[in-house]
Amino acid sequence: MAEKAKKENKSTIIGICIAVVAVIIIIIAAIISANGKQALGDSYFVSDGSKYVLTIESDSNEDETAPVKTHVVYFYSGEEITGAKTYYEFANAETAQAAYDSLKDSVNEINSLSVDGKYVIIVADESEYADITASEVKQQIEFMESLQNLNYEDSGDSTEESDIEIVEVNTEE
């Protein structure tokens, strides 16, 4: 009877050890998975040694269903473009999901459409970037950013009609 109790205790200890090892493996896998995928946000949409990013702010604040920003991201290695994605950033996840639902039902050609929080993501087909180099993409993005900066500076200096007050002067006395 004492040997039976020892065997049961030994089986229980082995079972607990296996459970602990399984939990540790799950935790390690979760950490590796979380570190492998960078969360989308302003810090992601910055050009670095692996990607060039062009961010375009929306002109219209009137349409709540329109994206607030568009991020065009080109991934590269050396001079080779290895991928391209366009991230449409919406005000919130609900608006992004509604845009995604609308796009996936109405556009059949987009087979690489996904949603991640407040972003609708379109992955470019390789044929769209196969003939361009990383240097060319960098030059295009720098050019587009300089145009955006010019437009921003111009909009700050311009006087709109609503800012002008017309005063009539009566010269007859």
N, C-alpha and C. Protein backbone atom coordinates (compact mmCIF):
# COMPACT_ATOMS: atom_id res chain seq x y z
N MET A 1 0.81 -1.19 0.00
CA MET A 1 0.00 0.00 0.00
C MET A 1 0.86 1.26 0.00
N ALA A 2 1.98 1.20 0.71
CA ALA A 2 2.90 2.34 0.77
C ALA A 2 3.52 2.58 -0.60
N GLU A 3 3.81 1.48 -1.33
CA GLU A 3 4.37 1.65 -2.67
C GLU A 3 3.35 2.28 -3.62
N LYS A 4 2.07 1.95 -3.47
CA LYS A 4 1.02 2.51 -4.32
C LYS A 4 0.92 4.02 -4.07
N ALA A 5 1.03 4.46 -2.83
CA ALA A 5 0.98 5.87 -2.50
C ALA A 5 2.20 6.60 -3.08
N LYS A 6 3.38 5.95 -3.03
CA LYS A 6 4.58 6.55 -3.61
C LYS A 6 4.44 6.73 -5.11
N LYS A 7 3.85 5.72 -5.79
CA LYS A 7 3.65 5.81 -7.23
C LYS A 7 2.67 6.92 -7.57
N GLU A 8 1.60 7.09 -6.79
CA GLU A 8 0.62 8.15 -7.03
C GLU A 8 1.26 9.52 -6.82
N ASN A 9 2.07 9.65 -5.77
CA ASN A 9 2.76 10.92 -5.52
C ASN A 9 3.74 11.23 -6.65
N LYS A 10 4.45 10.20 -7.10
CA LYS A 10 5.40 10.37 -8.20
C LYS A 10 4.67 10.79 -9.48
N SER A 11 3.52 10.20 -9.77
CA SER A 11 2.72 10.55 -10.94
C SER A 11 2.20 11.97 -10.84
N THR A 12 1.78 12.37 -9.65
CA THR A 12 1.29 13.73 -9.43
C THR A 12 2.40 14.74 -9.64
N ILE A 13 3.57 14.46 -9.13
CA ILE A 13 4.72 15.36 -9.29
C ILE A 13 5.10 15.47 -10.76
N ILE A 14 5.13 14.36 -11.47
CA ILE A 14 5.44 14.38 -12.91
C ILE A 14 4.39 15.19 -13.66
N GLY A 15 3.13 15.03 -13.32
CA GLY A 15 2.04 15.79 -13.96
C GLY A 15 2.18 17.28 -13.72
N ILE A 16 2.52 17.66 -12.50
CA ILE A 16 2.70 19.08 -12.18
C ILE A 16 3.89 19.64 -12.94
N CYS A 17 4.97 18.88 -13.02
CA CYS A 17 6.16 19.33 -13.77
C CYS A 17 5.83 19.54 -15.24
N ILE A 18 5.08 18.63 -15.82
CA ILE A 18 4.70 18.76 -17.24
C ILE A 18 3.82 20.00 -17.43
N ALA A 19 2.89 20.24 -16.51
CA ALA A 19 2.02 21.41 -16.60
C ALA A 19 2.83 22.70 -16.49
N VAL A 20 3.79 22.75 -15.58
CA VAL A 20 4.62 23.94 -15.41
C VAL A 20 5.45 24.19 -16.67
N VAL A 21 6.04 23.15 -17.23
CA VAL A 21 6.82 23.29 -18.46
C VAL A 21 5.93 23.79 -19.61
N ALA A 22 4.72 23.27 -19.70
CA ALA A 22 3.79 23.69 -20.76
C ALA A 22 3.44 25.17 -20.61
N VAL A 23 3.20 25.61 -19.37
CA VAL A 23 2.88 27.02 -19.14
C VAL A 23 4.07 27.90 -19.51
N ILE A 24 5.26 27.48 -19.15
CA ILE A 24 6.47 28.25 -19.49
C ILE A 24 6.63 28.36 -21.00
N ILE A 25 6.40 27.28 -21.72
CA ILE A 25 6.50 27.29 -23.19
C ILE A 25 5.47 28.25 -23.78
N ILE A 26 4.26 28.24 -23.26
CA ILE A 26 3.21 29.14 -23.76
C ILE A 26 3.59 30.59 -23.52
N ILE A 27 4.12 30.89 -22.34
CA ILE A 27 4.54 32.26 -22.02
C ILE A 27 5.66 32.71 -22.95
N ILE A 28 6.65 31.85 -23.17
CA ILE A 28 7.76 32.19 -24.06
C ILE A 28 7.26 32.42 -25.48
N ALA A 29 6.36 31.57 -25.95
CA ALA A 29 5.80 31.73 -27.30
C ALA A 29 5.04 33.05 -27.42
N ALA A 30 4.29 33.42 -26.39
CA ALA A 30 3.54 34.68 -26.41
C ALA A 30 4.48 35.88 -26.45
N ILE A 31 5.56 35.82 -25.69
CA ILE A 31 6.53 36.92 -25.68
C ILE A 31 7.21 37.06 -27.03
N ILE A 32 7.61 35.96 -27.61
CA ILE A 32 8.27 35.98 -28.92
C ILE A 32 7.30 36.51 -29.98
N SER A 33 6.07 36.07 -29.93
CA SER A 33 5.06 36.53 -30.88
C SER A 33 4.81 38.02 -30.74
N ALA A 34 4.71 38.50 -29.51
CA ALA A 34 4.46 39.93 -29.28
C ALA A 34 5.64 40.77 -29.74
N ASN A 35 6.85 40.29 -29.54
CA ASN A 35 8.03 41.05 -29.96
C ASN A 35 8.24 41.00 -31.47
N GLY A 36 7.77 39.97 -32.12
CA GLY A 36 7.95 39.82 -33.55
C GLY A 36 7.08 40.76 -34.35
N LYS A 37 5.95 41.16 -33.81
CA LYS A 37 5.03 42.04 -34.52
C LYS A 37 4.99 43.39 -33.83
N GLN A 38 5.48 44.40 -34.53
CA GLN A 38 5.49 45.73 -33.96
C GLN A 38 4.08 46.32 -34.05
N ALA A 39 3.62 46.90 -32.97
CA ALA A 39 2.28 47.48 -32.93
C ALA A 39 2.22 48.67 -33.88
N LEU A 40 1.08 48.83 -34.53
CA LEU A 40 0.90 49.95 -35.44
C LEU A 40 0.63 51.21 -34.63
N GLY A 41 1.24 52.27 -35.05
CA GLY A 41 1.09 53.57 -34.40
C GLY A 41 2.10 54.52 -34.99
N ASP A 42 2.14 55.73 -34.46
CA ASP A 42 3.04 56.75 -35.01
C ASP A 42 4.50 56.30 -35.03
N SER A 43 4.91 55.53 -34.04
CA SER A 43 6.31 55.10 -34.01
C SER A 43 6.62 54.08 -35.10
N TYR A 44 5.62 53.35 -35.57
CA TYR A 44 5.83 52.39 -36.65
C TYR A 44 6.02 53.10 -37.99
N PHE A 45 5.29 54.19 -38.19
CA PHE A 45 5.28 54.87 -39.48
C PHE A 45 6.41 55.90 -39.56
N VAL A 46 7.63 55.43 -39.35
CA VAL A 46 8.83 56.24 -39.44
C VAL A 46 9.83 55.47 -40.30
N SER A 47 10.42 56.16 -41.26
CA SER A 47 11.43 55.52 -42.09
C SER A 47 12.61 55.10 -41.23
N ASP A 48 13.12 53.89 -41.53
CA ASP A 48 14.28 53.38 -40.79
C ASP A 48 15.13 52.56 -41.75
N GLY A 49 15.97 51.70 -41.25
CA GLY A 49 16.87 50.92 -42.09
C GLY A 49 16.22 49.81 -42.87
N SER A 50 14.91 49.60 -42.70
CA SER A 50 14.22 48.52 -43.41
C SER A 50 13.00 49.00 -44.19
N LYS A 51 12.62 50.25 -44.00
CA LYS A 51 11.42 50.74 -44.69
C LYS A 51 11.48 52.25 -44.90
N TYR A 52 10.84 52.68 -45.99
CA TYR A 52 10.62 54.10 -46.25
C TYR A 52 9.14 54.35 -46.11
N VAL A 53 8.78 55.45 -45.44
CA VAL A 53 7.37 55.73 -45.15
C VAL A 53 7.01 57.12 -45.64
N LEU A 54 5.89 57.21 -46.34
CA LEU A 54 5.30 58.48 -46.72
C LEU A 54 3.95 58.57 -46.02
N THR A 55 3.76 59.60 -45.21
CA THR A 55 2.49 59.80 -44.51
C THR A 55 1.81 61.01 -45.11
N ILE A 56 0.55 60.84 -45.48
CA ILE A 56 -0.24 61.91 -46.08
C ILE A 56 -1.43 62.18 -45.16
N GLU A 57 -1.51 63.41 -44.69
CA GLU A 57 -2.63 63.82 -43.84
C GLU A 57 -3.86 64.06 -44.72
N SER A 58 -5.03 63.76 -44.19
CA SER A 58 -6.26 63.99 -44.92
C SER A 58 -6.56 65.48 -44.98
N ASP A 59 -7.07 65.93 -46.11
CA ASP A 59 -7.44 67.34 -46.28
C ASP A 59 -8.79 67.64 -45.67
N SER A 60 -9.64 66.65 -45.63
CA SER A 60 -11.03 66.87 -45.24
C SER A 60 -11.29 66.38 -43.82
N ASN A 61 -11.78 67.27 -42.99
CA ASN A 61 -12.20 66.89 -41.65
C ASN A 61 -13.72 66.71 -41.58
N GLU A 62 -14.39 66.98 -42.69
CA GLU A 62 -15.85 66.93 -42.71
C GLU A 62 -16.38 65.50 -42.78
N ASP A 63 -15.73 64.64 -43.52
CA ASP A 63 -16.21 63.27 -43.71
C ASP A 63 -15.63 62.37 -42.64
N GLU A 64 -16.48 61.95 -41.70
CA GLU A 64 -16.02 61.12 -40.58
C GLU A 64 -15.66 59.71 -41.02
N THR A 65 -16.09 59.30 -42.22
CA THR A 65 -15.80 57.95 -42.69
C THR A 65 -14.52 57.88 -43.51
N ALA A 66 -13.92 59.03 -43.79
CA ALA A 66 -12.68 59.07 -44.57
C ALA A 66 -11.49 58.83 -43.65
N PRO A 67 -10.41 58.28 -44.19
CA PRO A 67 -9.21 58.11 -43.37
C PRO A 67 -8.64 59.45 -42.93
N VAL A 68 -8.07 59.50 -41.74
CA VAL A 68 -7.45 60.73 -41.26
C VAL A 68 -6.02 60.85 -41.78
N LYS A 69 -5.38 59.71 -42.06
CA LYS A 69 -4.03 59.68 -42.62
C LYS A 69 -3.91 58.46 -43.53
N THR A 70 -2.98 58.56 -44.46
CA THR A 70 -2.61 57.43 -45.30
C THR A 70 -1.10 57.27 -45.19
N HIS A 71 -0.68 56.06 -44.86
CA HIS A 71 0.75 55.76 -44.74
C HIS A 71 1.12 54.77 -45.85
N VAL A 72 2.04 55.17 -46.72
CA VAL A 72 2.54 54.28 -47.77
C VAL A 72 3.91 53.81 -47.31
N VAL A 73 4.06 52.49 -47.15
CA VAL A 73 5.28 51.93 -46.59
C VAL A 73 5.93 51.00 -47.61
N TYR A 74 7.18 51.29 -47.94
CA TYR A 74 7.97 50.44 -48.83
C TYR A 74 9.04 49.76 -47.98
N PHE A 75 9.06 48.45 -48.01
CA PHE A 75 10.08 47.68 -47.29
C PHE A 75 11.22 47.39 -48.26
N TYR A 76 12.45 47.45 -47.76
CA TYR A 76 13.59 47.24 -48.66
C TYR A 76 14.73 46.53 -47.96
N SER A 77 15.58 45.95 -48.80
CA SER A 77 16.83 45.35 -48.35
C SER A 77 17.87 45.73 -49.39
N GLY A 78 18.83 46.52 -48.99
CA GLY A 78 19.79 47.05 -49.97
C GLY A 78 19.07 47.97 -50.93
N GLU A 79 19.18 47.69 -52.21
CA GLU A 79 18.48 48.49 -53.23
C GLU A 79 17.17 47.84 -53.68
N GLU A 80 16.87 46.67 -53.17
CA GLU A 80 15.69 45.93 -53.61
C GLU A 80 14.48 46.25 -52.73
N ILE A 81 13.37 46.60 -53.36
CA ILE A 81 12.11 46.77 -52.66
C ILE A 81 11.55 45.36 -52.43
N THR A 82 11.30 45.03 -51.17
CA THR A 82 10.84 43.68 -50.83
C THR A 82 9.35 43.60 -50.55
N GLY A 83 8.70 44.74 -50.44
CA GLY A 83 7.26 44.74 -50.19
C GLY A 83 6.75 46.16 -50.09
N ALA A 84 5.44 46.31 -50.22
CA ALA A 84 4.82 47.62 -50.11
C ALA A 84 3.41 47.45 -49.55
N LYS A 85 3.07 48.30 -48.62
CA LYS A 85 1.73 48.28 -48.02
C LYS A 85 1.24 49.70 -47.87
N THR A 86 -0.07 49.86 -48.00
CA THR A 86 -0.71 51.13 -47.74
C THR A 86 -1.61 50.95 -46.54
N TYR A 87 -1.42 51.80 -45.54
CA TYR A 87 -2.20 51.76 -44.30
C TYR A 87 -3.12 52.98 -44.29
N TYR A 88 -4.42 52.75 -44.32
CA TYR A 88 -5.38 53.84 -44.20
C TYR A 88 -5.77 53.92 -42.74
N GLU A 89 -5.42 55.05 -42.10
CA GLU A 89 -5.69 55.23 -40.68
C GLU A 89 -7.01 55.98 -40.50
N PHE A 90 -7.90 55.38 -39.73
CA PHE A 90 -9.20 55.98 -39.47
C PHE A 90 -9.25 56.50 -38.04
N ALA A 91 -10.28 57.25 -37.71
CA ALA A 91 -10.41 57.84 -36.39
C ALA A 91 -10.51 56.79 -35.30
N ASN A 92 -11.12 55.64 -35.62
CA ASN A 92 -11.27 54.58 -34.61
C ASN A 92 -11.45 53.24 -35.32
N ALA A 93 -11.44 52.18 -34.52
CA ALA A 93 -11.52 50.82 -35.07
C ALA A 93 -12.87 50.54 -35.73
N GLU A 94 -13.93 51.13 -35.20
CA GLU A 94 -15.26 50.90 -35.77
C GLU A 94 -15.36 51.46 -37.19
N THR A 95 -14.82 52.66 -37.38
CA THR A 95 -14.84 53.28 -38.71
C THR A 95 -13.96 52.49 -39.67
N ALA A 96 -12.83 52.01 -39.19
CA ALA A 96 -11.94 51.20 -40.03
C ALA A 96 -12.64 49.90 -40.43
N GLN A 97 -13.33 49.27 -39.51
CA GLN A 97 -14.02 48.03 -39.81
C GLN A 97 -15.13 48.27 -40.84
N ALA A 98 -15.86 49.38 -40.71
CA ALA A 98 -16.90 49.71 -41.68
C ALA A 98 -16.30 49.95 -43.06
N ALA A 99 -15.17 50.64 -43.12
CA ALA A 99 -14.50 50.88 -44.41
C ALA A 99 -14.02 49.56 -45.00
N TYR A 100 -13.46 48.71 -44.17
CA TYR A 100 -13.00 47.39 -44.62
C TYR A 100 -14.16 46.59 -45.18
N ASP A 101 -15.27 46.55 -44.47
CA ASP A 101 -16.45 45.80 -44.92
C ASP A 101 -16.94 46.33 -46.26
N SER A 102 -16.94 47.64 -46.41
CA SER A 102 -17.37 48.26 -47.66
C SER A 102 -16.43 47.92 -48.81
N LEU A 103 -15.13 47.99 -48.55
CA LEU A 103 -14.15 47.69 -49.59
C LEU A 103 -14.14 46.22 -49.99
N LYS A 104 -14.20 45.34 -49.02
CA LYS A 104 -14.10 43.91 -49.35
C LYS A 104 -15.31 43.43 -50.15
N ASP A 105 -16.45 44.07 -49.97
CA ASP A 105 -17.64 43.67 -50.71
C ASP A 105 -17.69 44.29 -52.11
N SER A 106 -17.11 45.49 -52.25
CA SER A 106 -17.26 46.19 -53.53
C SER A 106 -16.06 46.05 -54.46
N VAL A 107 -14.91 45.69 -53.93
CA VAL A 107 -13.71 45.61 -54.76
C VAL A 107 -13.21 44.17 -54.77
N ASN A 108 -13.35 43.53 -55.91
CA ASN A 108 -12.93 42.14 -56.03
C ASN A 108 -11.44 41.99 -56.32
N GLU A 109 -10.84 43.03 -56.88
CA GLU A 109 -9.44 42.92 -57.28
C GLU A 109 -8.49 42.91 -56.08
N ILE A 110 -8.92 43.44 -54.95
CA ILE A 110 -8.04 43.51 -53.79
C ILE A 110 -8.15 42.21 -53.02
N ASN A 111 -7.15 41.38 -53.17
CA ASN A 111 -7.17 40.11 -52.45
C ASN A 111 -6.30 40.16 -51.20
N SER A 112 -5.62 41.26 -50.99
CA SER A 112 -4.75 41.37 -49.84
C SER A 112 -5.19 42.55 -48.96
N LEU A 113 -6.46 42.57 -48.62
CA LEU A 113 -7.05 43.61 -47.80
C LEU A 113 -7.26 43.07 -46.40
N SER A 114 -6.85 43.84 -45.39
CA SER A 114 -7.05 43.41 -44.01
C SER A 114 -7.32 44.63 -43.14
N VAL A 115 -7.75 44.36 -41.92
CA VAL A 115 -7.99 45.43 -40.95
C VAL A 115 -7.25 45.08 -39.67
N ASP A 116 -6.61 46.10 -39.07
CA ASP A 116 -5.87 45.92 -37.82
C ASP A 116 -6.17 47.14 -36.95
N GLY A 117 -7.10 47.00 -36.04
CA GLY A 117 -7.49 48.13 -35.20
C GLY A 117 -8.09 49.23 -36.04
N LYS A 118 -7.49 50.43 -36.00
CA LYS A 118 -8.03 51.56 -36.76
C LYS A 118 -7.39 51.70 -38.14
N TYR A 119 -6.73 50.64 -38.62
CA TYR A 119 -6.05 50.67 -39.91
C TYR A 119 -6.65 49.66 -40.88
N VAL A 120 -6.89 50.10 -42.10
CA VAL A 120 -7.22 49.20 -43.20
C VAL A 120 -5.94 49.11 -44.03
N ILE A 121 -5.51 47.87 -44.29
CA ILE A 121 -4.20 47.65 -44.91
C ILE A 121 -4.37 46.98 -46.27
N ILE A 122 -3.72 47.53 -47.27
CA ILE A 122 -3.70 46.93 -48.60
C ILE A 122 -2.24 46.59 -48.92
N VAL A 123 -2.00 45.33 -49.22
CA VAL A 123 -0.66 44.88 -49.58
C VAL A 123 -0.54 44.96 -51.10
N ALA A 124 0.49 45.64 -51.56
CA ALA A 124 0.71 45.80 -53.01
C ALA A 124 1.19 44.50 -53.62
N ASP A 125 0.76 44.25 -54.83
CA ASP A 125 1.25 43.12 -55.59
C ASP A 125 2.70 43.41 -56.01
N GLU A 126 3.50 42.38 -56.07
CA GLU A 126 4.92 42.55 -56.38
C GLU A 126 5.13 43.28 -57.71
N SER A 127 4.24 43.11 -58.65
CA SER A 127 4.39 43.76 -59.95
C SER A 127 4.33 45.28 -59.84
N GLU A 128 3.75 45.80 -58.75
CA GLU A 128 3.63 47.24 -58.58
C GLU A 128 4.94 47.91 -58.16
N TYR A 129 5.88 47.15 -57.62
CA TYR A 129 7.14 47.74 -57.17
C TYR A 129 8.37 46.99 -57.69
N ALA A 130 8.19 46.04 -58.56
CA ALA A 130 9.30 45.21 -59.04
C ALA A 130 10.34 46.01 -59.83
N ASP A 131 9.93 47.06 -60.49
CA ASP A 131 10.84 47.80 -61.36
C ASP A 131 11.44 49.05 -60.73
N ILE A 132 11.29 49.25 -59.43
CA ILE A 132 11.85 50.43 -58.79
C ILE A 132 12.85 50.02 -57.70
N THR A 133 13.79 50.92 -57.46
CA THR A 133 14.82 50.64 -56.46
C THR A 133 14.52 51.42 -55.18
N ALA A 134 15.20 51.05 -54.13
CA ALA A 134 15.04 51.74 -52.85
C ALA A 134 15.44 53.21 -52.97
N SER A 135 16.48 53.50 -53.73
CA SER A 135 16.92 54.90 -53.93
C SER A 135 15.84 55.72 -54.62
N GLU A 136 15.20 55.13 -55.62
CA GLU A 136 14.13 55.83 -56.33
C GLU A 136 12.95 56.10 -55.41
N VAL A 137 12.60 55.12 -54.58
CA VAL A 137 11.50 55.31 -53.63
C VAL A 137 11.85 56.42 -52.65
N LYS A 138 13.07 56.41 -52.15
CA LYS A 138 13.50 57.44 -51.21
C LYS A 138 13.39 58.83 -51.84
N GLN A 139 13.84 58.96 -53.09
CA GLN A 139 13.75 60.25 -53.79
C GLN A 139 12.31 60.68 -53.97
N GLN A 140 11.44 59.74 -54.34
CA GLN A 140 10.02 60.06 -54.53
C GLN A 140 9.39 60.53 -53.22
N ILE A 141 9.71 59.84 -52.13
CA ILE A 141 9.14 60.21 -50.84
C ILE A 141 9.66 61.58 -50.40
N GLU A 142 10.95 61.83 -50.57
CA GLU A 142 11.50 63.14 -50.22
C GLU A 142 10.84 64.25 -51.04
N PHE A 143 10.60 63.99 -52.32
CA PHE A 143 9.94 64.97 -53.18
C PHE A 143 8.51 65.23 -52.70
N MET A 144 7.77 64.17 -52.40
CA MET A 144 6.38 64.31 -51.94
C MET A 144 6.34 65.06 -50.60
N GLU A 145 7.28 64.78 -49.71
CA GLU A 145 7.32 65.47 -48.42
C GLU A 145 7.63 66.96 -48.61
N SER A 146 8.52 67.28 -49.56
CA SER A 146 8.82 68.69 -49.80
C SER A 146 7.60 69.40 -50.38
N LEU A 147 6.84 68.73 -51.23
CA LEU A 147 5.60 69.32 -51.74
C LEU A 147 4.59 69.54 -50.62
N GLN A 148 4.48 68.56 -49.73
CA GLN A 148 3.57 68.71 -48.59
C GLN A 148 3.99 69.90 -47.73
N ASN A 149 5.28 70.05 -47.50
CA ASN A 149 5.76 71.17 -46.70
C ASN A 149 5.47 72.50 -47.37
N LEU A 150 5.62 72.56 -48.71
CA LEU A 150 5.30 73.78 -49.43
C LEU A 150 3.81 74.10 -49.31
N ASN A 151 2.97 73.10 -49.48
CA ASN A 151 1.53 73.31 -49.36
C ASN A 151 1.16 73.76 -47.96
N TYR A 152 1.82 73.20 -46.95
CA TYR A 152 1.55 73.58 -45.57
C TYR A 152 1.95 75.03 -45.33
N GLU A 153 3.13 75.42 -45.83
CA GLU A 153 3.58 76.79 -45.66
C GLU A 153 2.68 77.76 -46.41
N ASP A 154 2.27 77.40 -47.62
CA ASP A 154 1.40 78.27 -48.41
C ASP A 154 0.05 78.45 -47.73
N SER A 155 -0.49 77.39 -47.15
CA SER A 155 -1.81 77.49 -46.54
C SER A 155 -1.78 78.38 -45.30
N GLY A 156 -0.65 78.49 -44.64
CA GLY A 156 -0.55 79.34 -43.47
C GLY A 156 -0.45 80.80 -43.83
N ASP A 157 0.06 81.14 -45.02
CA ASP A 157 0.25 82.52 -45.42
C ASP A 157 -0.93 83.07 -46.21
N SER A 158 -1.77 82.22 -46.71
CA SER A 158 -2.84 82.69 -47.58
C SER A 158 -3.97 83.30 -46.77
N THR A 159 -4.66 84.22 -47.39
CA THR A 159 -5.82 84.85 -46.77
C THR A 159 -7.05 84.38 -47.50
N GLU A 160 -7.95 83.79 -46.78
CA GLU A 160 -9.16 83.29 -47.40
C GLU A 160 -10.19 84.40 -47.45
N GLU A 161 -11.19 84.24 -48.33
CA GLU A 161 -12.22 85.25 -48.46
C GLU A 161 -12.94 85.50 -47.15
N SER A 162 -13.13 84.46 -46.36
CA SER A 162 -13.85 84.62 -45.11
C SER A 162 -13.07 85.47 -44.10
N ASP A 163 -11.77 85.67 -44.32
CA ASP A 163 -10.95 86.47 -43.43
C ASP A 163 -10.95 87.95 -43.83
N ILE A 164 -11.52 88.27 -44.98
CA ILE A 164 -11.50 89.64 -45.48
C ILE A 164 -12.82 90.32 -45.14
N GLU A 165 -12.71 91.50 -44.54
CA GLU A 165 -13.92 92.25 -44.23
C GLU A 165 -14.01 93.40 -45.23
N ILE A 166 -15.14 93.54 -45.86
CA ILE A 166 -15.34 94.60 -46.85
C ILE A 166 -16.09 95.74 -46.15
N VAL A 167 -15.51 96.91 -46.25
CA VAL A 167 -16.10 98.09 -45.61
C VAL A 167 -16.42 99.08 -46.72
N GLU A 168 -17.66 99.52 -46.73
CA GLU A 168 -18.07 100.51 -47.71
C GLU A 168 -17.90 101.88 -47.08
N VAL A 169 -17.29 102.76 -47.83
CA VAL A 169 -17.09 104.12 -47.35
C VAL A 169 -17.99 105.05 -48.14
N ASN A 170 -18.78 105.82 -47.45
CA ASN A 170 -19.68 106.77 -48.09
C ASN A 170 -18.94 108.08 -48.25
N THR A 171 -18.62 108.44 -49.49
CA THR A 171 -17.87 109.67 -49.74
C THR A 171 -18.77 110.84 -50.02
N GLU A 172 -20.07 110.62 -50.13
CA GLU A 172 -20.99 111.72 -50.41
C GLU A 172 -21.40 112.38 -49.11
N GLU A 173 -21.34 113.68 -49.07
CA GLU A 173 -21.77 114.41 -47.87
C GLU A 173 -22.65 115.52 -48.23
